[in-house]
Amino acid sequence: MSQHWNQLVWIFVIVLGGSPLYAQVDVPATNAGNPAAAAADPFAVPETGTAQEYFNRLDQIANIQPPTSITSQVDLLAFLDKQMTASVTAATRLLTAQPTETQAALAIERILGASNFVHNTKTSEETAAFDDTYVKPLPDQLTQLGYPELARKVYRSLILGQLNFSQTRPWTEEDKATAQANFQKVLEQSLEFVGESSTLNAEDAGMLQQLCRLAEQGFLFRDGVTDVDFAYVAAIESQVAELLKASQDPTVQKNARWCEGAGRRVGANGKPFVLNGILPDGSTLDWSAYRGKIVLVDFWATWCGPCINEAKNIRKAYEMYHAKGFEVIGVSIDSDRAALEKYLAKANYPWTIVWDPALNQPKANEPVPQEDRSMHSYYSIHSIPTVFLIDQEGRVITQLCRGEKLFEQLQKLLGDPQ
């Protein structure tokens, strides 16, 4: 199959299964409804019916498989379009038939799943029209039905769905300004939606944390990223962390720690870098011993393919610049120390390796959460390899030092290699 064909199959699954937000709904296997009509037209949806009948019809539509005669992308797309339209029709009619909360949850699951399909296959005008007609009214509909928590879930989904960043090309300054303005608008809507920090619940906190993740993905994980972009995202994460920290809810506090750590990591440029670790022999890393050196700190794992590839680049840089004062510290986040030691014996890295999870072991009578003890949690590292280039005084120079950028930085800092 081609990549596009696989994408259509993936969209087919999304339309049937809907948004993961509502995956907890238990949909019974049933043949109730109108079998005769379904036999004549498998996508037919009665204009009148009870909530249970529409609920059953959604189940039937979801179980319709593409005919074996379909052999082209065009035919599959036409089939999916019919299935999506029938699903939305049944879901919309279900919401007007006084559904139970479980029934309403399935209806919005299918509408949001169809929205995913439309966003992937239709024009921007068709997408906007679909969302205006079927998606945006959902929170008010659910509130009127007496399901405010379900309405809040949908509203959270709508907030996150407004963000769409390019990650595959450099941005012009105009592109970046537009994206930042859009993100600020969504962030303001989110903060207004959650209200006072005292009323924050775990779901609201999760949405704000996801906004921080999307800010990183949108502004940092793309071509053309600069250190200025890091400062912009760090300010967002710090703002969200301060709001979450005011809550007394333990789950919200966990979200707060993640956002605080993310702000600490993304905003690390120009600041002293904090680093602790356990060496393979069980001793503690002496971070102060690296003063006066240019140090690359590399968060990695033995199971991470990109990390292993980047290690080849790091080894080359180490061999070229070590004599001029370049050091490397690899911070392994492997959970299995035995596997790490076995890998290191084979890889024979010439630089220092510390084992981060060793710091997760709380000391006796010290109830410190594990996430507060580990370095990868201290910096909320959720994507590896993550690298920091540190100057002779222990301050972060940049995080943009992978691949050829590492050699560019070392050339600027240390001159020509010996």
Foldseek 3Di string as FASTA:
>chain_A
DDPVLVVLVVLLCCLLQFDPLLNVQDQDQDPDADVVVCVVPVLDDDPDDALVNLSNSSNSLSPDDDDPPDDDPVVSLVVSVSSLVSLLVSLVVSLVRLDDPSSVSVSLRNLRSSLVVCVVPHDPVVSVVSCVVRQVCSLVSCVVSVNNVSSLSSVLVVLVVQQDADAEDADDPVNVVVNVVSLVVSLVVLDVSQDALQSHDLVSLVSLLVSLVSLCRRQPNHPNHDLVSLLVSLVSLQVSLVSLCVYPDPSSPLSSLLSPLQSCQSVQAPHFDDDWFAFLVGDIDDPVVLAQAWEKEWEDEPVDPVQVVQVVVVQVVCVQCVVLGYAYEYEYADPDSVVVVVVCVVVVRPHTYGYFQVQLDDDPPGPDHSLCRGPCSSNSPDDPGFMFIADNHRGTNDRPQTDVNVVVVCCVVRNGTD
